[in-house]
Amino acid sequence: RGNRNDPVMSVLKQMRTLSPLSIILLGEKQSGRSSAGNTILGRSEFQVDGTLEPLTVGSGDVESRGVTVVNTTGWKPGCHPKVPLRILDRACGHVSCTPNHSNRGKDVERP
């Protein structure tokens, strides 16, 4: 029998109570979002052939934790800075999140 103060038992208890995780993949076109999502989920959930889908959602168990991955459409390099924020806002409608844009309403310069 394991001792209640046993560090291994403590970690096992925490692993059983992990809350679900939602991940939103953002980036420019052809930046590897779909491949990253497939790697996270451990299977080919998202098409990587450049097919234009506005938004796709995949989910599964990763290391005993429920994971939802939202794959967004990419934006063109050099686009207006508000474009990624709009994409994020749309993606947040598919998971429980509230976007916090520190640059909202400000002009952002690209390096």
PDB file of N, CA and C in Angstrom:
ATOM      1  N   ARG A   1       0.833  -1.201   0.000  1.00  0.00           N
ATOM      2  CA  ARG A   1       0.000   0.000   0.000  1.00  0.00           C
ATOM      3  C   ARG A   1       0.862   1.243   0.000  1.00  0.00           C
ATOM      4  N   GLY A   2       0.478   2.208  -0.791  1.00  0.00           N
ATOM      5  CA  GLY A   2       1.226   3.455  -0.863  1.00  0.00           C
ATOM      6  C   GLY A   2       0.874   4.386   0.279  1.00  0.00           C
ATOM      7  N   ASN A   3       1.859   5.060   0.767  1.00  0.00           N
ATOM      8  CA  ASN A   3       1.677   6.056   1.813  1.00  0.00           C
ATOM      9  C   ASN A   3       1.019   7.287   1.201  1.00  0.00           C
ATOM     10  N   ARG A   4       0.075   7.906   1.915  1.00  0.00           N
ATOM     11  CA  ARG A   4      -0.616   9.095   1.398  1.00  0.00           C
ATOM     12  C   ARG A   4       0.355  10.228   1.089  1.00  0.00           C
ATOM     13  N   ASN A   5       1.495  10.260   1.742  1.00  0.00           N
ATOM     14  CA  ASN A   5       2.480  11.311   1.513  1.00  0.00           C
ATOM     15  C   ASN A   5       3.518  10.912   0.467  1.00  0.00           C
ATOM     16  N   ASP A   6       3.340   9.738  -0.114  1.00  0.00           N
ATOM     17  CA  ASP A   6       4.268   9.244  -1.126  1.00  0.00           C
ATOM     18  C   ASP A   6       4.209  10.158  -2.351  1.00  0.00           C
ATOM     19  N   PRO A   7       5.365  10.712  -2.801  1.00  0.00           N
ATOM     20  CA  PRO A   7       5.356  11.627  -3.943  1.00  0.00           C
ATOM     21  C   PRO A   7       4.827  10.978  -5.227  1.00  0.00           C
ATOM     22  N   VAL A   8       5.080   9.692  -5.420  1.00  0.00           N
ATOM     23  CA  VAL A   8       4.585   9.012  -6.617  1.00  0.00           C
ATOM     24  C   VAL A   8       3.061   8.964  -6.597  1.00  0.00           C
ATOM     25  N   MET A   9       2.483   8.646  -5.458  1.00  0.00           N
ATOM     26  CA  MET A   9       1.023   8.606  -5.341  1.00  0.00           C
ATOM     27  C   MET A   9       0.432   9.993  -5.574  1.00  0.00           C
ATOM     28  N   SER A  10       1.123  11.004  -5.102  1.00  0.00           N
ATOM     29  CA  SER A  10       0.653  12.376  -5.293  1.00  0.00           C
ATOM     30  C   SER A  10       0.605  12.734  -6.771  1.00  0.00           C
ATOM     31  N   VAL A  11       1.647  12.372  -7.503  1.00  0.00           N
ATOM     32  CA  VAL A  11       1.694  12.651  -8.942  1.00  0.00           C
ATOM     33  C   VAL A  11       0.609  11.861  -9.669  1.00  0.00           C
ATOM     34  N   LEU A  12       0.429  10.599  -9.314  1.00  0.00           N
ATOM     35  CA  LEU A  12      -0.607   9.786  -9.955  1.00  0.00           C
ATOM     36  C   LEU A  12      -1.993  10.376  -9.723  1.00  0.00           C
ATOM     37  N   LYS A  13      -2.233  10.878  -8.538  1.00  0.00           N
ATOM     38  CA  LYS A  13      -3.527  11.501  -8.239  1.00  0.00           C
ATOM     39  C   LYS A  13      -3.719  12.751  -9.103  1.00  0.00           C
ATOM     40  N   GLN A  14      -2.673  13.563  -9.244  1.00  0.00           N
ATOM     41  CA  GLN A  14      -2.760  14.762 -10.076  1.00  0.00           C
ATOM     42  C   GLN A  14      -3.009  14.393 -11.531  1.00  0.00           C
ATOM     43  N   MET A  15      -2.386  13.329 -12.009  1.00  0.00           N
ATOM     44  CA  MET A  15      -2.556  12.916 -13.403  1.00  0.00           C
ATOM     45  C   MET A  15      -4.000  12.511 -13.678  1.00  0.00           C
ATOM     46  N   ARG A  16      -4.648  11.899 -12.705  1.00  0.00           N
ATOM     47  CA  ARG A  16      -6.028  11.475 -12.893  1.00  0.00           C
ATOM     48  C   ARG A  16      -6.995  12.641 -12.897  1.00  0.00           C
ATOM     49  N   THR A  17      -6.570  13.777 -12.371  1.00  0.00           N
ATOM     50  CA  THR A  17      -7.486  14.911 -12.254  1.00  0.00           C
ATOM     51  C   THR A  17      -7.111  16.064 -13.182  1.00  0.00           C
ATOM     52  N   LEU A  18      -6.347  15.803 -14.224  1.00  0.00           N
ATOM     53  CA  LEU A  18      -5.970  16.862 -15.153  1.00  0.00           C
ATOM     54  C   LEU A  18      -7.200  17.366 -15.888  1.00  0.00           C
ATOM     55  N   SER A  19      -7.326  18.665 -15.964  1.00  0.00           N
ATOM     56  CA  SER A  19      -8.453  19.248 -16.681  1.00  0.00           C
ATOM     57  C   SER A  19      -8.190  19.181 -18.184  1.00  0.00           C
ATOM     58  N   PRO A  20      -9.259  19.201 -18.974  1.00  0.00           N
ATOM     59  CA  PRO A  20      -9.080  19.179 -20.430  1.00  0.00           C
ATOM     60  C   PRO A  20      -8.271  20.383 -20.900  1.00  0.00           C
ATOM     61  N   LEU A  21      -7.575  20.204 -22.004  1.00  0.00           N
ATOM     62  CA  LEU A  21      -6.717  21.244 -22.557  1.00  0.00           C
ATOM     63  C   LEU A  21      -7.200  21.594 -23.956  1.00  0.00           C
ATOM     64  N   SER A  22      -7.311  22.886 -24.242  1.00  0.00           N
ATOM     65  CA  SER A  22      -7.663  23.354 -25.580  1.00  0.00           C
ATOM     66  C   SER A  22      -6.483  24.121 -26.155  1.00  0.00           C
ATOM     67  N   ILE A  23      -6.138  23.810 -27.398  1.00  0.00           N
ATOM     68  CA  ILE A  23      -5.008  24.443 -28.076  1.00  0.00           C
ATOM     69  C   ILE A  23      -5.506  25.034 -29.384  1.00  0.00           C
ATOM     70  N   ILE A  24      -5.200  26.306 -29.623  1.00  0.00           N
ATOM     71  CA  ILE A  24      -5.550  26.957 -30.879  1.00  0.00           C
ATOM     72  C   ILE A  24      -4.262  27.176 -31.660  1.00  0.00           C
ATOM     73  N   LEU A  25      -4.221  26.651 -32.873  1.00  0.00           N
ATOM     74  CA  LEU A  25      -3.042  26.776 -33.731  1.00  0.00           C
ATOM     75  C   LEU A  25      -3.204  27.997 -34.628  1.00  0.00           C
ATOM     76  N   LEU A  26      -2.288  28.942 -34.501  1.00  0.00           N
ATOM     77  CA  LEU A  26      -2.304  30.178 -35.280  1.00  0.00           C
ATOM     78  C   LEU A  26      -0.993  30.323 -36.034  1.00  0.00           C
ATOM     79  N   GLY A  27      -1.049  30.936 -37.196  1.00  0.00           N
ATOM     80  CA  GLY A  27       0.184  31.202 -37.933  1.00  0.00           C
ATOM     81  C   GLY A  27      -0.095  31.582 -39.367  1.00  0.00           C
ATOM     82  N   GLU A  28       0.961  32.028 -40.034  1.00  0.00           N
ATOM     83  CA  GLU A  28       0.851  32.387 -41.442  1.00  0.00           C
ATOM     84  C   GLU A  28       0.565  31.138 -42.268  1.00  0.00           C
ATOM     85  N   LYS A  29       0.131  31.351 -43.507  1.00  0.00           N
ATOM     86  CA  LYS A  29      -0.108  30.239 -44.427  1.00  0.00           C
ATOM     87  C   LYS A  29       1.167  29.411 -44.573  1.00  0.00           C
ATOM     88  N   GLN A  30       0.993  28.119 -44.705  1.00  0.00           N
ATOM     89  CA  GLN A  30       2.099  27.172 -44.906  1.00  0.00           C
ATOM     90  C   GLN A  30       3.134  27.211 -43.778  1.00  0.00           C
ATOM     91  N   SER A  31       2.686  27.448 -42.541  1.00  0.00           N
ATOM     92  CA  SER A  31       3.631  27.522 -41.420  1.00  0.00           C
ATOM     93  C   SER A  31       3.681  26.244 -40.589  1.00  0.00           C
ATOM     94  N   GLY A  32       2.898  25.221 -40.949  1.00  0.00           N
ATOM     95  CA  GLY A  32       2.976  23.949 -40.235  1.00  0.00           C
ATOM     96  C   GLY A  32       1.942  23.755 -39.144  1.00  0.00           C
ATOM     97  N   ARG A  33       0.867  24.533 -39.154  1.00  0.00           N
ATOM     98  CA  ARG A  33      -0.164  24.384 -38.126  1.00  0.00           C
ATOM     99  C   ARG A  33      -0.776  22.983 -38.142  1.00  0.00           C
ATOM    100  N   SER A  34      -1.161  22.505 -39.325  1.00  0.00           N
ATOM    101  CA  SER A  34      -1.794  21.183 -39.431  1.00  0.00           C
ATOM    102  C   SER A  34      -0.845  20.082 -38.975  1.00  0.00           C
ATOM    103  N   SER A  35       0.399  20.162 -39.371  1.00  0.00           N
ATOM    104  CA  SER A  35       1.390  19.165 -38.945  1.00  0.00           C
ATOM    105  C   SER A  35       1.568  19.190 -37.433  1.00  0.00           C
ATOM    106  N   ALA A  36       1.587  20.383 -36.851  1.00  0.00           N
ATOM    107  CA  ALA A  36       1.713  20.494 -35.391  1.00  0.00           C
ATOM    108  C   ALA A  36       0.509  19.852 -34.708  1.00  0.00           C
ATOM    109  N   GLY A  37      -0.682  20.114 -35.222  1.00  0.00           N
ATOM    110  CA  GLY A  37      -1.888  19.511 -34.647  1.00  0.00           C
ATOM    111  C   GLY A  37      -1.862  17.997 -34.741  1.00  0.00           C
ATOM    112  N   ASN A  38      -1.422  17.470 -35.883  1.00  0.00           N
ATOM    113  CA  ASN A  38      -1.316  16.019 -36.045  1.00  0.00           C
ATOM    114  C   ASN A  38      -0.306  15.428 -35.070  1.00  0.00           C
ATOM    115  N   THR A  39       0.788  16.129 -34.850  1.00  0.00           N
ATOM    116  CA  THR A  39       1.800  15.662 -33.900  1.00  0.00           C
ATOM    117  C   THR A  39       1.238  15.653 -32.485  1.00  0.00           C
ATOM    118  N   ILE A  40       0.533  16.705 -32.103  1.00  0.00           N
ATOM    119  CA  ILE A  40      -0.047  16.790 -30.757  1.00  0.00           C
ATOM    120  C   ILE A  40      -1.015  15.638 -30.522  1.00  0.00           C
ATOM    121  N   LEU A  41      -1.904  15.384 -31.496  1.00  0.00           N
ATOM    122  CA  LEU A  41      -2.920  14.345 -31.331  1.00  0.00           C
ATOM    123  C   LEU A  41      -2.391  12.940 -31.606  1.00  0.00           C
ATOM    124  N   GLY A  42      -1.212  12.850 -32.237  1.00  0.00           N
ATOM    125  CA  GLY A  42      -0.624  11.545 -32.506  1.00  0.00           C
ATOM    126  C   GLY A  42      -1.283  10.802 -33.654  1.00  0.00           C
ATOM    127  N   ARG A  43      -1.952  11.522 -34.540  1.00  0.00           N
ATOM    128  CA  ARG A  43      -2.591  10.900 -35.702  1.00  0.00           C
ATOM    129  C   ARG A  43      -2.822  11.959 -36.773  1.00  0.00           C
ATOM    130  N   SER A  44      -3.192  11.531 -37.966  1.00  0.00           N
ATOM    131  CA  SER A  44      -3.447  12.459 -39.077  1.00  0.00           C
ATOM    132  C   SER A  44      -4.892  12.958 -39.015  1.00  0.00           C
ATOM    133  N   GLU A  45      -5.119  13.966 -38.238  1.00  0.00           N
ATOM    134  CA  GLU A  45      -6.449  14.558 -38.075  1.00  0.00           C
ATOM    135  C   GLU A  45      -6.667  15.705 -39.056  1.00  0.00           C
ATOM    136  N   PHE A  46      -5.616  16.475 -39.318  1.00  0.00           N
ATOM    137  CA  PHE A  46      -5.715  17.667 -40.156  1.00  0.00           C
ATOM    138  C   PHE A  46      -5.002  17.439 -41.483  1.00  0.00           C
ATOM    139  N   GLN A  47      -5.611  17.885 -42.574  1.00  0.00           N
ATOM    140  CA  GLN A  47      -4.999  17.748 -43.895  1.00  0.00           C
ATOM    141  C   GLN A  47      -3.800  18.685 -44.000  1.00  0.00           C
ATOM    142  N   VAL A  48      -2.712  18.178 -44.569  1.00  0.00           N
ATOM    143  CA  VAL A  48      -1.493  18.982 -44.704  1.00  0.00           C
ATOM    144  C   VAL A  48      -1.167  19.281 -46.160  1.00  0.00           C
ATOM    145  N   ASP A  49      -2.142  19.122 -47.035  1.00  0.00           N
ATOM    146  CA  ASP A  49      -1.894  19.310 -48.467  1.00  0.00           C
ATOM    147  C   ASP A  49      -2.223  20.714 -48.955  1.00  0.00           C
ATOM    148  N   GLY A  50      -2.436  21.642 -48.057  1.00  0.00           N
ATOM    149  CA  GLY A  50      -2.732  23.013 -48.460  1.00  0.00           C
ATOM    150  C   GLY A  50      -4.200  23.267 -48.733  1.00  0.00           C
ATOM    151  N   THR A  51      -5.068  22.275 -48.450  1.00  0.00           N
ATOM    152  CA  THR A  51      -6.501  22.467 -48.635  1.00  0.00           C
ATOM    153  C   THR A  51      -6.977  23.603 -47.742  1.00  0.00           C
ATOM    154  N   LEU A  52      -7.752  24.498 -48.305  1.00  0.00           N
ATOM    155  CA  LEU A  52      -8.220  25.657 -47.544  1.00  0.00           C
ATOM    156  C   LEU A  52      -9.507  25.326 -46.803  1.00  0.00           C
ATOM    157  N   GLU A  53      -9.403  25.070 -45.530  1.00  0.00           N
ATOM    158  CA  GLU A  53     -10.566  24.894 -44.665  1.00  0.00           C
ATOM    159  C   GLU A  53     -10.508  26.021 -43.659  1.00  0.00           C
ATOM    160  N   PRO A  54     -11.623  26.725 -43.462  1.00  0.00           N
ATOM    161  CA  PRO A  54     -11.568  27.890 -42.582  1.00  0.00           C
ATOM    162  C   PRO A  54     -11.180  27.557 -41.144  1.00  0.00           C
ATOM    163  N   LEU A  55     -11.657  26.417 -40.646  1.00  0.00           N
ATOM    164  CA  LEU A  55     -11.360  26.063 -39.268  1.00  0.00           C
ATOM    165  C   LEU A  55     -11.735  24.599 -39.081  1.00  0.00           C
ATOM    166  N   THR A  56     -10.848  23.823 -38.498  1.00  0.00           N
ATOM    167  CA  THR A  56     -11.143  22.422 -38.211  1.00  0.00           C
ATOM    168  C   THR A  56     -10.779  22.131 -36.766  1.00  0.00           C
ATOM    169  N   VAL A  57     -11.517  21.203 -36.170  1.00  0.00           N
ATOM    170  CA  VAL A  57     -11.321  20.865 -34.763  1.00  0.00           C
ATOM    171  C   VAL A  57     -11.085  19.364 -34.659  1.00  0.00           C
ATOM    172  N   GLY A  58     -10.075  18.994 -33.890  1.00  0.00           N
ATOM    173  CA  GLY A  58      -9.798  17.596 -33.603  1.00  0.00           C
ATOM    174  C   GLY A  58      -9.625  17.420 -32.109  1.00  0.00           C
ATOM    175  N   SER A  59      -9.927  16.237 -31.614  1.00  0.00           N
ATOM    176  CA  SER A  59      -9.760  16.008 -30.177  1.00  0.00           C
ATOM    177  C   SER A  59      -9.353  14.566 -29.930  1.00  0.00           C
ATOM    178  N   GLY A  60      -8.824  14.339 -28.750  1.00  0.00           N
ATOM    179  CA  GLY A  60      -8.401  13.004 -28.360  1.00  0.00           C
ATOM    180  C   GLY A  60      -7.772  13.034 -26.984  1.00  0.00           C
ATOM    181  N   ASP A  61      -7.306  11.883 -26.551  1.00  0.00           N
ATOM    182  CA  ASP A  61      -6.617  11.775 -25.270  1.00  0.00           C
ATOM    183  C   ASP A  61      -5.119  11.776 -25.519  1.00  0.00           C
ATOM    184  N   VAL A  62      -4.423  12.644 -24.820  1.00  0.00           N
ATOM    185  CA  VAL A  62      -2.972  12.736 -24.909  1.00  0.00           C
ATOM    186  C   VAL A  62      -2.433  12.592 -23.494  1.00  0.00           C
ATOM    187  N   GLU A  63      -1.695  11.514 -23.266  1.00  0.00           N
ATOM    188  CA  GLU A  63      -1.138  11.254 -21.930  1.00  0.00           C
ATOM    189  C   GLU A  63      -2.235  11.337 -20.860  1.00  0.00           C
ATOM    190  N   SER A  64      -3.353  10.684 -21.121  1.00  0.00           N
ATOM    191  CA  SER A  64      -4.494  10.605 -20.194  1.00  0.00           C
ATOM    192  C   SER A  64      -5.184  11.942 -19.960  1.00  0.00           C
ATOM    193  N   ARG A  65      -5.023  12.854 -20.874  1.00  0.00           N
ATOM    194  CA  ARG A  65      -5.666  14.163 -20.735  1.00  0.00           C
ATOM    195  C   ARG A  65      -6.464  14.451 -22.003  1.00  0.00           C
ATOM    196  N   GLY A  66      -7.692  14.907 -21.844  1.00  0.00           N
ATOM    197  CA  GLY A  66      -8.502  15.281 -22.990  1.00  0.00           C
ATOM    198  C   GLY A  66      -7.953  16.547 -23.631  1.00  0.00           C
ATOM    199  N   VAL A  67      -7.688  16.478 -24.933  1.00  0.00           N
ATOM    200  CA  VAL A  67      -7.107  17.611 -25.649  1.00  0.00           C
ATOM    201  C   VAL A  67      -7.972  17.926 -26.868  1.00  0.00           C
ATOM    202  N   THR A  68      -8.297  19.208 -27.033  1.00  0.00           N
ATOM    203  CA  THR A  68      -8.982  19.696 -28.222  1.00  0.00           C
ATOM    204  C   THR A  68      -8.030  20.626 -28.952  1.00  0.00           C
ATOM    205  N   VAL A  69      -7.846  20.387 -30.250  1.00  0.00           N
ATOM    206  CA  VAL A  69      -6.964  21.216 -31.069  1.00  0.00           C
ATOM    207  C   VAL A  69      -7.820  21.907 -32.123  1.00  0.00           C
ATOM    208  N   VAL A  70      -7.736  23.229 -32.173  1.00  0.00           N
ATOM    209  CA  VAL A  70      -8.443  24.019 -33.174  1.00  0.00           C
ATOM    210  C   VAL A  70      -7.412  24.499 -34.185  1.00  0.00           C
ATOM    211  N   ASN A  71      -7.570  24.063 -35.420  1.00  0.00           N
ATOM    212  CA  ASN A  71      -6.651  24.437 -36.494  1.00  0.00           C
ATOM    213  C   ASN A  71      -7.301  25.560 -37.298  1.00  0.00           C
ATOM    214  N   THR A  72      -6.704  26.717 -37.280  1.00  0.00           N
ATOM    215  CA  THR A  72      -7.268  27.890 -37.946  1.00  0.00           C
ATOM    216  C   THR A  72      -6.702  28.045 -39.348  1.00  0.00           C
ATOM    217  N   THR A  73      -7.323  28.900 -40.120  1.00  0.00           N
ATOM    218  CA  THR A  73      -6.794  29.250 -41.432  1.00  0.00           C
ATOM    219  C   THR A  73      -5.581  30.158 -41.243  1.00  0.00           C
ATOM    220  N   GLY A  74      -4.629  30.053 -42.133  1.00  0.00           N
ATOM    221  CA  GLY A  74      -3.448  30.910 -42.048  1.00  0.00           C
ATOM    222  C   GLY A  74      -3.692  32.256 -42.701  1.00  0.00           C
ATOM    223  N   TRP A  75      -2.845  33.197 -42.370  1.00  0.00           N
ATOM    224  CA  TRP A  75      -2.953  34.521 -42.978  1.00  0.00           C
ATOM    225  C   TRP A  75      -1.735  34.772 -43.845  1.00  0.00           C
ATOM    226  N   LYS A  76      -1.892  35.709 -44.767  1.00  0.00           N
ATOM    227  CA  LYS A  76      -0.801  36.042 -45.681  1.00  0.00           C
ATOM    228  C   LYS A  76       0.277  36.824 -44.941  1.00  0.00           C
ATOM    229  N   PRO A  77       1.548  36.559 -45.239  1.00  0.00           N
ATOM    230  CA  PRO A  77       2.618  37.354 -44.635  1.00  0.00           C
ATOM    231  C   PRO A  77       2.406  38.834 -44.956  1.00  0.00           C
ATOM    232  N   GLY A  78       2.621  39.680 -43.982  1.00  0.00           N
ATOM    233  CA  GLY A  78       2.486  41.119 -44.179  1.00  0.00           C
ATOM    234  C   GLY A  78       1.065  41.620 -44.112  1.00  0.00           C
ATOM    235  N   CYS A  79       0.125  40.773 -43.703  1.00  0.00           N
ATOM    236  CA  CYS A  79      -1.266  41.210 -43.629  1.00  0.00           C
ATOM    237  C   CYS A  79      -1.435  42.236 -42.504  1.00  0.00           C
ATOM    238  N   HIS A  80      -2.599  42.865 -42.477  1.00  0.00           N
ATOM    239  CA  HIS A  80      -2.906  43.825 -41.415  1.00  0.00           C
ATOM    240  C   HIS A  80      -2.861  43.092 -40.071  1.00  0.00           C
ATOM    241  N   PRO A  81      -2.322  43.717 -39.025  1.00  0.00           N
ATOM    242  CA  PRO A  81      -2.178  43.053 -37.723  1.00  0.00           C
ATOM    243  C   PRO A  81      -3.493  42.591 -37.103  1.00  0.00           C
ATOM    244  N   LYS A  82      -4.614  43.151 -37.524  1.00  0.00           N
ATOM    245  CA  LYS A  82      -5.894  42.732 -36.940  1.00  0.00           C
ATOM    246  C   LYS A  82      -6.381  41.399 -37.506  1.00  0.00           C
ATOM    247  N   VAL A  83      -5.850  40.974 -38.632  1.00  0.00           N
ATOM    248  CA  VAL A  83      -6.293  39.714 -39.239  1.00  0.00           C
ATOM    249  C   VAL A  83      -6.064  38.531 -38.290  1.00  0.00           C
ATOM    250  N   PRO A  84      -4.869  38.343 -37.723  1.00  0.00           N
ATOM    251  CA  PRO A  84      -4.687  37.230 -36.781  1.00  0.00           C
ATOM    252  C   PRO A  84      -5.619  37.325 -35.571  1.00  0.00           C
ATOM    253  N   LEU A  85      -5.904  38.531 -35.114  1.00  0.00           N
ATOM    254  CA  LEU A  85      -6.796  38.685 -33.962  1.00  0.00           C
ATOM    255  C   LEU A  85      -8.214  38.247 -34.310  1.00  0.00           C
ATOM    256  N   ARG A  86      -8.664  38.561 -35.516  1.00  0.00           N
ATOM    257  CA  ARG A  86      -9.998  38.123 -35.950  1.00  0.00           C
ATOM    258  C   ARG A  86     -10.055  36.602 -36.047  1.00  0.00           C
ATOM    259  N   ILE A  87      -8.995  36.007 -36.555  1.00  0.00           N
ATOM    260  CA  ILE A  87      -8.942  34.547 -36.652  1.00  0.00           C
ATOM    261  C   ILE A  87      -8.985  33.932 -35.258  1.00  0.00           C
ATOM    262  N   LEU A  88      -8.249  34.499 -34.321  1.00  0.00           N
ATOM    263  CA  LEU A  88      -8.264  34.014 -32.940  1.00  0.00           C
ATOM    264  C   LEU A  88      -9.652  34.149 -32.331  1.00  0.00           C
ATOM    265  N   ASP A  89     -10.302  35.278 -32.544  1.00  0.00           N
ATOM    266  CA  ASP A  89     -11.652  35.472 -32.007  1.00  0.00           C
ATOM    267  C   ASP A  89     -12.601  34.390 -32.518  1.00  0.00           C
ATOM    268  N   ARG A  90     -12.531  34.087 -33.825  1.00  0.00           N
ATOM    269  CA  ARG A  90     -13.394  33.051 -34.398  1.00  0.00           C
ATOM    270  C   ARG A  90     -13.087  31.690 -33.780  1.00  0.00           C
ATOM    271  N   ALA A  91     -11.808  31.393 -33.606  1.00  0.00           N
ATOM    272  CA  ALA A  91     -11.413  30.095 -33.054  1.00  0.00           C
ATOM    273  C   ALA A  91     -11.882  29.943 -31.616  1.00  0.00           C
ATOM    274  N   CYS A  92     -11.875  31.029 -30.863  1.00  0.00           N
ATOM    275  CA  CYS A  92     -12.303  30.962 -29.461  1.00  0.00           C
ATOM    276  C   CYS A  92     -13.781  30.615 -29.338  1.00  0.00           C
ATOM    277  N   GLY A  93     -14.532  30.794 -30.402  1.00  0.00           N
ATOM    278  CA  GLY A  93     -15.931  30.391 -30.382  1.00  0.00           C
ATOM    279  C   GLY A  93     -16.106  28.883 -30.335  1.00  0.00           C
ATOM    280  N   HIS A  94     -15.051  28.129 -30.617  1.00  0.00           N
ATOM    281  CA  HIS A  94     -15.123  26.669 -30.641  1.00  0.00           C
ATOM    282  C   HIS A  94     -14.572  26.024 -29.379  1.00  0.00           C
ATOM    283  N   VAL A  95     -13.966  26.803 -28.523  1.00  0.00           N
ATOM    284  CA  VAL A  95     -13.464  26.302 -27.241  1.00  0.00           C
ATOM    285  C   VAL A  95     -13.788  27.343 -26.178  1.00  0.00           C
ATOM    286  N   SER A  96     -13.687  26.950 -24.941  1.00  0.00           N
ATOM    287  CA  SER A  96     -13.969  27.887 -23.855  1.00  0.00           C
ATOM    288  C   SER A  96     -12.754  28.756 -23.592  1.00  0.00           C
ATOM    289  N   CYS A  97     -12.716  29.912 -24.219  1.00  0.00           N
ATOM    290  CA  CYS A  97     -11.607  30.824 -23.969  1.00  0.00           C
ATOM    291  C   CYS A  97     -12.054  32.245 -24.244  1.00  0.00           C
ATOM    292  N   THR A  98     -11.375  33.150 -23.629  1.00  0.00           N
ATOM    293  CA  THR A  98     -11.593  34.565 -23.873  1.00  0.00           C
ATOM    294  C   THR A  98     -10.266  35.137 -24.315  1.00  0.00           C
ATOM    295  N   PRO A  99     -10.178  35.580 -25.565  1.00  0.00           N
ATOM    296  CA  PRO A  99      -8.892  36.117 -26.016  1.00  0.00           C
ATOM    297  C   PRO A  99      -8.532  37.391 -25.276  1.00  0.00           C
ATOM    298  N   ASN A 100      -7.256  37.538 -24.959  1.00  0.00           N
ATOM    299  CA  ASN A 100      -6.756  38.741 -24.306  1.00  0.00           C
ATOM    300  C   ASN A 100      -5.705  39.332 -25.226  1.00  0.00           C
ATOM    301  N   HIS A 101      -6.118  40.325 -25.995  1.00  0.00           N
ATOM    302  CA  HIS A 101      -5.202  40.926 -26.962  1.00  0.00           C
ATOM    303  C   HIS A 101      -4.561  42.159 -26.344  1.00  0.00           C
ATOM    304  N   SER A 102      -3.310  42.041 -25.970  1.00  0.00           N
ATOM    305  CA  SER A 102      -2.638  43.184 -25.348  1.00  0.00           C
ATOM    306  C   SER A 102      -2.458  44.330 -26.329  1.00  0.00           C
ATOM    307  N   ASN A 103      -2.490  44.035 -27.625  1.00  0.00           N
ATOM    308  CA  ASN A 103      -2.302  45.084 -28.626  1.00  0.00           C
ATOM    309  C   ASN A 103      -3.610  45.524 -29.272  1.00  0.00           C
ATOM    310  N   ARG A 104      -4.741  45.088 -28.757  1.00  0.00           N
ATOM    311  CA  ARG A 104      -6.019  45.425 -29.363  1.00  0.00           C
ATOM    312  C   ARG A 104      -6.194  46.939 -29.395  1.00  0.00           C
ATOM    313  N   GLY A 105      -6.581  47.435 -30.538  1.00  0.00           N
ATOM    314  CA  GLY A 105      -6.823  48.867 -30.680  1.00  0.00           C
ATOM    315  C   GLY A 105      -5.563  49.679 -30.913  1.00  0.00           C
ATOM    316  N   LYS A 106      -4.417  49.024 -30.942  1.00  0.00           N
ATOM    317  CA  LYS A 106      -3.153  49.730 -31.152  1.00  0.00           C
ATOM    318  C   LYS A 106      -2.599  49.344 -32.512  1.00  0.00           C
ATOM    319  N   ASP A 107      -1.852  50.243 -33.095  1.00  0.00           N
ATOM    320  CA  ASP A 107      -1.143  49.902 -34.325  1.00  0.00           C
ATOM    321  C   ASP A 107       0.093  49.103 -33.944  1.00  0.00           C
ATOM    322  N   VAL A 108       0.279  47.985 -34.603  1.00  0.00           N
ATOM    323  CA  VAL A 108       1.415  47.119 -34.317  1.00  0.00           C
ATOM    324  C   VAL A 108       2.334  47.133 -35.521  1.00  0.00           C
ATOM    325  N   GLU A 109       3.602  47.351 -35.268  1.00  0.00           N
ATOM    326  CA  GLU A 109       4.577  47.360 -36.354  1.00  0.00           C
ATOM    327  C   GLU A 109       5.185  45.981 -36.498  1.00  0.00           C
ATOM    328  N   ARG A 110       5.339  45.552 -37.728  1.00  0.00           N
ATOM    329  CA  ARG A 110       6.032  44.285 -37.997  1.00  0.00           C
ATOM    330  C   ARG A 110       7.524  44.560 -38.080  1.00  0.00           C
ATOM    331  N   PRO A 111       8.340  43.673 -37.535  1.00  0.00           N
ATOM    332  CA  PRO A 111       9.796  43.868 -37.621  1.00  0.00           C
ATOM    333  C   PRO A 111      10.282  43.797 -39.045  1.00  0.00           C
TER     334      PRO A 111
END
